[in-house]
Amino acid sequence: MPCYRCGARQTDPVRGASPWKRAVRHEAQVLVCPDCQRVHDLDLDTCASCGSIALICRLGEIECRSCGEVRLARADEPLVTAGPPGSARMPGLAAEVEAALDRVLGRS
C-alpha cells in the first residue's frame, strides 16, 4: 500500500519498528511515509473523544489507540479514495505487477 499523500511505496524494511505510520483518513486505513509525517496538515481523521490521530480501522470499526474509544465506521457514506489528487490515474500495484509479468513472459 503506498503513502496516501505522495504515493511512495515501502521498501523492504530493516529490522525493528517501521518508520511508516498507519492512520485513518475518510474512514479508511492509510499509510503515511516518514517524509509526509513531517507535514503538520495531513488531513487525517481524529478521535471524537480525545482529538488524537492515532486511529486504526478494522472490521468496520475505528479504534483510537490513545484513549481506546471504538466506534462503527459510517457505512452509509460513499467511499473516498485516500490519496493525492490525480492518484486515480496512477496504476495500482496489481497493474504494475501485471505489466511486469507481461514484459518478462513476453506477452503482448
N, C-alpha and C. Protein backbone atom coordinates (compact mmCIF):
# COMPACT_ATOMS: atom_id res chain seq x y z
N MET A 1 0.85 -1.16 0.00
CA MET A 1 0.00 0.00 0.00
C MET A 1 0.90 1.24 0.00
N PRO A 2 0.70 2.16 -0.92
CA PRO A 2 1.54 3.36 -0.97
C PRO A 2 1.12 4.40 0.06
N CYS A 3 1.98 5.38 0.26
CA CYS A 3 1.65 6.52 1.12
C CYS A 3 0.46 7.24 0.50
N TYR A 4 -0.55 7.53 1.31
CA TYR A 4 -1.78 8.13 0.77
C TYR A 4 -1.52 9.53 0.23
N ARG A 5 -0.47 10.19 0.70
CA ARG A 5 -0.25 11.59 0.35
C ARG A 5 0.65 11.75 -0.88
N CYS A 6 1.77 11.03 -0.93
CA CYS A 6 2.72 11.23 -2.02
C CYS A 6 2.81 10.04 -2.97
N GLY A 7 2.25 8.89 -2.59
CA GLY A 7 2.27 7.72 -3.46
C GLY A 7 3.51 6.86 -3.34
N ALA A 8 4.46 7.24 -2.47
CA ALA A 8 5.68 6.45 -2.30
C ALA A 8 5.33 5.06 -1.77
N ARG A 9 6.09 4.08 -2.19
CA ARG A 9 5.86 2.70 -1.74
C ARG A 9 6.94 2.31 -0.73
N GLN A 10 6.55 1.46 0.21
CA GLN A 10 7.51 0.96 1.19
C GLN A 10 8.51 0.05 0.51
N THR A 11 9.74 0.09 0.99
CA THR A 11 10.75 -0.85 0.54
C THR A 11 10.87 -1.93 1.62
N ASP A 12 11.67 -2.95 1.36
CA ASP A 12 11.86 -3.99 2.36
C ASP A 12 12.39 -3.35 3.64
N PRO A 13 11.72 -3.59 4.75
CA PRO A 13 12.12 -2.92 6.00
C PRO A 13 13.39 -3.53 6.59
N VAL A 14 14.09 -2.70 7.34
CA VAL A 14 15.21 -3.20 8.13
C VAL A 14 14.62 -3.71 9.44
N ARG A 15 15.42 -4.40 10.21
CA ARG A 15 14.92 -4.92 11.49
C ARG A 15 14.49 -3.76 12.39
N GLY A 16 13.47 -4.01 13.16
CA GLY A 16 12.98 -3.00 14.10
C GLY A 16 11.65 -2.42 13.65
N ALA A 17 11.23 -1.40 14.34
CA ALA A 17 9.94 -0.77 14.05
C ALA A 17 10.00 -0.02 12.72
N SER A 18 8.91 -0.08 11.99
CA SER A 18 8.82 0.60 10.70
C SER A 18 8.67 2.10 10.92
N PRO A 19 9.34 2.93 10.11
CA PRO A 19 9.16 4.38 10.23
C PRO A 19 7.82 4.84 9.63
N TRP A 20 7.15 3.97 8.89
CA TRP A 20 5.85 4.29 8.32
C TRP A 20 4.79 4.20 9.41
N LYS A 21 3.79 5.06 9.34
CA LYS A 21 2.72 5.08 10.33
C LYS A 21 1.38 4.77 9.69
N ARG A 22 0.55 4.02 10.42
CA ARG A 22 -0.82 3.77 9.99
C ARG A 22 -1.69 4.91 10.51
N ALA A 23 -2.71 5.26 9.73
CA ALA A 23 -3.65 6.30 10.14
C ALA A 23 -4.99 6.02 9.47
N VAL A 24 -5.97 6.84 9.77
CA VAL A 24 -7.29 6.72 9.17
C VAL A 24 -7.63 8.05 8.51
N ARG A 25 -8.07 7.97 7.26
CA ARG A 25 -8.49 9.16 6.51
C ARG A 25 -9.76 8.80 5.77
N HIS A 26 -10.78 9.61 5.94
CA HIS A 26 -12.09 9.33 5.33
C HIS A 26 -12.54 7.91 5.67
N GLU A 27 -12.28 7.53 6.92
CA GLU A 27 -12.69 6.23 7.46
C GLU A 27 -12.08 5.04 6.74
N ALA A 28 -10.91 5.23 6.15
CA ALA A 28 -10.17 4.14 5.51
C ALA A 28 -8.75 4.13 6.06
N GLN A 29 -8.21 2.93 6.26
CA GLN A 29 -6.84 2.79 6.75
C GLN A 29 -5.88 3.26 5.67
N VAL A 30 -4.91 4.10 6.03
CA VAL A 30 -3.90 4.58 5.10
C VAL A 30 -2.52 4.46 5.75
N LEU A 31 -1.49 4.52 4.93
CA LEU A 31 -0.12 4.58 5.41
C LEU A 31 0.44 5.97 5.14
N VAL A 32 1.31 6.43 6.05
CA VAL A 32 1.96 7.73 5.89
C VAL A 32 3.46 7.50 5.94
N CYS A 33 4.17 7.91 4.88
CA CYS A 33 5.62 7.70 4.81
C CYS A 33 6.33 8.66 5.77
N PRO A 34 7.59 8.38 6.09
CA PRO A 34 8.33 9.24 7.02
C PRO A 34 8.42 10.69 6.55
N ASP A 35 8.60 10.92 5.24
CA ASP A 35 8.70 12.30 4.75
C ASP A 35 7.40 13.06 4.95
N CYS A 36 6.27 12.43 4.66
CA CYS A 36 4.97 13.10 4.80
C CYS A 36 4.58 13.27 6.26
N GLN A 37 5.14 12.47 7.16
CA GLN A 37 4.84 12.62 8.58
C GLN A 37 5.33 13.96 9.11
N ARG A 38 6.29 14.56 8.44
CA ARG A 38 6.82 15.86 8.88
C ARG A 38 5.86 17.00 8.58
N VAL A 39 4.91 16.78 7.66
CA VAL A 39 3.91 17.79 7.32
C VAL A 39 2.87 17.81 8.44
N HIS A 40 2.50 19.00 8.88
CA HIS A 40 1.57 19.09 10.00
C HIS A 40 0.11 19.03 9.58
N ASP A 41 -0.21 19.31 8.32
CA ASP A 41 -1.60 19.27 7.86
C ASP A 41 -1.81 18.05 6.98
N LEU A 42 -1.99 16.88 7.62
CA LEU A 42 -2.13 15.63 6.87
C LEU A 42 -3.58 15.31 6.52
N ASP A 43 -4.54 16.07 7.04
CA ASP A 43 -5.96 15.85 6.77
C ASP A 43 -6.38 14.43 7.14
N LEU A 44 -6.01 14.02 8.36
CA LEU A 44 -6.36 12.69 8.85
C LEU A 44 -7.58 12.79 9.77
N ASP A 45 -8.32 11.69 9.89
CA ASP A 45 -9.44 11.65 10.83
C ASP A 45 -8.90 11.72 12.25
N THR A 46 -9.70 12.29 13.15
CA THR A 46 -9.31 12.39 14.56
C THR A 46 -10.36 11.74 15.44
N CYS A 47 -9.96 11.39 16.64
CA CYS A 47 -10.86 10.80 17.62
C CYS A 47 -11.82 11.87 18.13
N ALA A 48 -13.11 11.54 18.19
CA ALA A 48 -14.11 12.48 18.69
C ALA A 48 -13.95 12.74 20.18
N SER A 49 -13.36 11.81 20.92
CA SER A 49 -13.22 11.97 22.37
C SER A 49 -11.98 12.76 22.77
N CYS A 50 -10.82 12.37 22.21
CA CYS A 50 -9.57 12.98 22.67
C CYS A 50 -8.85 13.80 21.60
N GLY A 51 -9.29 13.73 20.34
CA GLY A 51 -8.66 14.52 19.28
C GLY A 51 -7.41 13.90 18.68
N SER A 52 -7.03 12.71 19.11
CA SER A 52 -5.83 12.05 18.62
C SER A 52 -6.00 11.58 17.17
N ILE A 53 -4.88 11.53 16.43
CA ILE A 53 -4.91 10.97 15.07
C ILE A 53 -4.45 9.52 15.07
N ALA A 54 -4.17 8.97 16.25
CA ALA A 54 -3.71 7.58 16.38
C ALA A 54 -4.90 6.64 16.28
N LEU A 55 -5.48 6.52 15.09
CA LEU A 55 -6.65 5.68 14.86
C LEU A 55 -6.27 4.49 14.00
N ILE A 56 -6.99 3.39 14.20
CA ILE A 56 -6.86 2.24 13.31
C ILE A 56 -8.26 1.83 12.87
N CYS A 57 -8.35 1.32 11.67
CA CYS A 57 -9.64 0.91 11.10
C CYS A 57 -9.57 -0.59 10.84
N ARG A 58 -10.55 -1.31 11.40
CA ARG A 58 -10.57 -2.76 11.18
C ARG A 58 -11.99 -3.29 11.34
N LEU A 59 -12.38 -4.17 10.46
CA LEU A 59 -13.66 -4.86 10.52
C LEU A 59 -14.84 -3.92 10.77
N GLY A 60 -14.87 -2.80 10.06
CA GLY A 60 -15.99 -1.87 10.16
C GLY A 60 -15.99 -1.01 11.40
N GLU A 61 -14.91 -1.04 12.16
CA GLU A 61 -14.79 -0.22 13.37
C GLU A 61 -13.56 0.67 13.28
N ILE A 62 -13.63 1.80 13.95
CA ILE A 62 -12.48 2.68 14.06
C ILE A 62 -12.15 2.80 15.54
N GLU A 63 -10.90 2.48 15.89
CA GLU A 63 -10.48 2.49 17.29
C GLU A 63 -9.38 3.52 17.49
N CYS A 64 -9.50 4.28 18.58
CA CYS A 64 -8.46 5.24 18.95
C CYS A 64 -7.42 4.50 19.78
N ARG A 65 -6.17 4.58 19.37
CA ARG A 65 -5.10 3.90 20.11
C ARG A 65 -4.66 4.71 21.32
N SER A 66 -5.10 5.98 21.40
CA SER A 66 -4.74 6.81 22.55
C SER A 66 -5.69 6.59 23.73
N CYS A 67 -7.01 6.69 23.49
CA CYS A 67 -7.97 6.59 24.59
C CYS A 67 -8.78 5.30 24.57
N GLY A 68 -8.70 4.52 23.48
CA GLY A 68 -9.40 3.24 23.42
C GLY A 68 -10.83 3.30 22.92
N GLU A 69 -11.34 4.50 22.59
CA GLU A 69 -12.72 4.59 22.10
C GLU A 69 -12.87 3.83 20.79
N VAL A 70 -13.97 3.10 20.67
CA VAL A 70 -14.27 2.34 19.45
C VAL A 70 -15.62 2.82 18.94
N ARG A 71 -15.69 3.06 17.64
CA ARG A 71 -16.97 3.44 17.03
C ARG A 71 -17.10 2.72 15.70
N LEU A 72 -18.32 2.60 15.24
CA LEU A 72 -18.56 1.98 13.95
C LEU A 72 -18.21 2.95 12.84
N ALA A 73 -17.62 2.43 11.78
CA ALA A 73 -17.38 3.25 10.59
C ALA A 73 -18.73 3.52 9.95
N ARG A 74 -18.89 4.70 9.42
CA ARG A 74 -20.17 5.06 8.79
C ARG A 74 -20.25 4.42 7.42
N ALA A 75 -21.03 3.37 7.29
CA ALA A 75 -21.15 2.63 6.03
C ALA A 75 -22.07 3.32 5.04
N ASP A 76 -22.90 4.28 5.52
CA ASP A 76 -23.85 4.92 4.62
C ASP A 76 -23.21 6.01 3.76
N GLU A 77 -21.98 6.40 4.08
CA GLU A 77 -21.30 7.41 3.28
C GLU A 77 -20.54 6.75 2.14
N PRO A 78 -20.44 7.42 0.99
CA PRO A 78 -19.68 6.83 -0.12
C PRO A 78 -18.20 6.74 0.23
N LEU A 79 -17.56 5.71 -0.28
CA LEU A 79 -16.13 5.55 -0.05
C LEU A 79 -15.35 6.59 -0.82
N VAL A 80 -14.30 7.09 -0.21
CA VAL A 80 -13.44 8.08 -0.84
C VAL A 80 -12.06 7.47 -0.94
N THR A 81 -11.46 7.54 -2.11
CA THR A 81 -10.12 7.03 -2.28
C THR A 81 -9.15 7.95 -1.57
N ALA A 82 -8.39 7.41 -0.64
CA ALA A 82 -7.39 8.20 0.06
C ALA A 82 -6.16 8.29 -0.82
N GLY A 83 -5.73 9.47 -1.13
CA GLY A 83 -4.55 9.65 -1.95
C GLY A 83 -4.46 11.05 -2.48
N PRO A 84 -3.32 11.40 -3.06
CA PRO A 84 -3.14 12.74 -3.59
C PRO A 84 -4.03 12.96 -4.81
N PRO A 85 -4.32 14.22 -5.13
CA PRO A 85 -5.12 14.48 -6.33
C PRO A 85 -4.48 13.84 -7.55
N GLY A 86 -5.29 13.20 -8.37
CA GLY A 86 -4.79 12.56 -9.58
C GLY A 86 -4.27 11.15 -9.36
N SER A 87 -4.34 10.66 -8.10
CA SER A 87 -3.80 9.32 -7.85
C SER A 87 -4.62 8.24 -8.52
N ALA A 88 -5.86 8.54 -8.89
CA ALA A 88 -6.68 7.54 -9.57
C ALA A 88 -6.10 7.20 -10.94
N ARG A 89 -5.31 8.12 -11.50
CA ARG A 89 -4.70 7.86 -12.80
C ARG A 89 -3.43 7.03 -12.67
N MET A 90 -2.85 6.97 -11.45
CA MET A 90 -1.63 6.19 -11.24
C MET A 90 -1.99 4.72 -11.19
N PRO A 91 -1.21 3.87 -11.85
CA PRO A 91 -1.53 2.44 -11.81
C PRO A 91 -1.31 1.89 -10.41
N GLY A 92 -2.16 0.97 -10.02
CA GLY A 92 -2.03 0.33 -8.72
C GLY A 92 -0.98 -0.76 -8.78
N LEU A 93 -0.71 -1.34 -7.65
CA LEU A 93 0.31 -2.38 -7.57
C LEU A 93 -0.06 -3.57 -8.45
N ALA A 94 -1.34 -3.93 -8.49
CA ALA A 94 -1.76 -5.07 -9.33
C ALA A 94 -1.46 -4.80 -10.80
N ALA A 95 -1.72 -3.57 -11.25
CA ALA A 95 -1.45 -3.23 -12.65
C ALA A 95 0.05 -3.23 -12.93
N GLU A 96 0.85 -2.76 -11.96
CA GLU A 96 2.30 -2.76 -12.13
C GLU A 96 2.83 -4.20 -12.23
N VAL A 97 2.34 -5.07 -11.38
CA VAL A 97 2.78 -6.48 -11.39
C VAL A 97 2.38 -7.14 -12.70
N GLU A 98 1.15 -6.89 -13.15
CA GLU A 98 0.68 -7.48 -14.40
C GLU A 98 1.54 -7.01 -15.57
N ALA A 99 1.88 -5.72 -15.62
CA ALA A 99 2.71 -5.20 -16.70
C ALA A 99 4.11 -5.81 -16.65
N ALA A 100 4.67 -5.98 -15.44
CA ALA A 100 6.00 -6.58 -15.31
C ALA A 100 5.99 -8.04 -15.76
N LEU A 101 4.95 -8.78 -15.40
CA LEU A 101 4.84 -10.18 -15.84
C LEU A 101 4.71 -10.26 -17.36
N ASP A 102 3.94 -9.36 -17.95
CA ASP A 102 3.80 -9.34 -19.41
C ASP A 102 5.14 -9.11 -20.08
N ARG A 103 5.95 -8.18 -19.53
CA ARG A 103 7.27 -7.90 -20.10
C ARG A 103 8.18 -9.12 -19.98
N VAL A 104 8.23 -9.71 -18.79
CA VAL A 104 9.14 -10.83 -18.53
C VAL A 104 8.74 -12.07 -19.32
N LEU A 105 7.45 -12.33 -19.41
CA LEU A 105 6.97 -13.53 -20.09
C LEU A 105 6.74 -13.31 -21.58
N GLY A 106 6.99 -12.10 -22.07
CA GLY A 106 6.86 -11.82 -23.50
C GLY A 106 5.44 -11.79 -24.00
N ARG A 107 4.50 -11.53 -23.11
CA ARG A 107 3.09 -11.43 -23.53
C ARG A 107 2.82 -10.05 -24.10
N SER A 108 1.89 -10.00 -25.04
CA SER A 108 1.55 -8.70 -25.64
C SER A 108 0.30 -8.15 -25.04
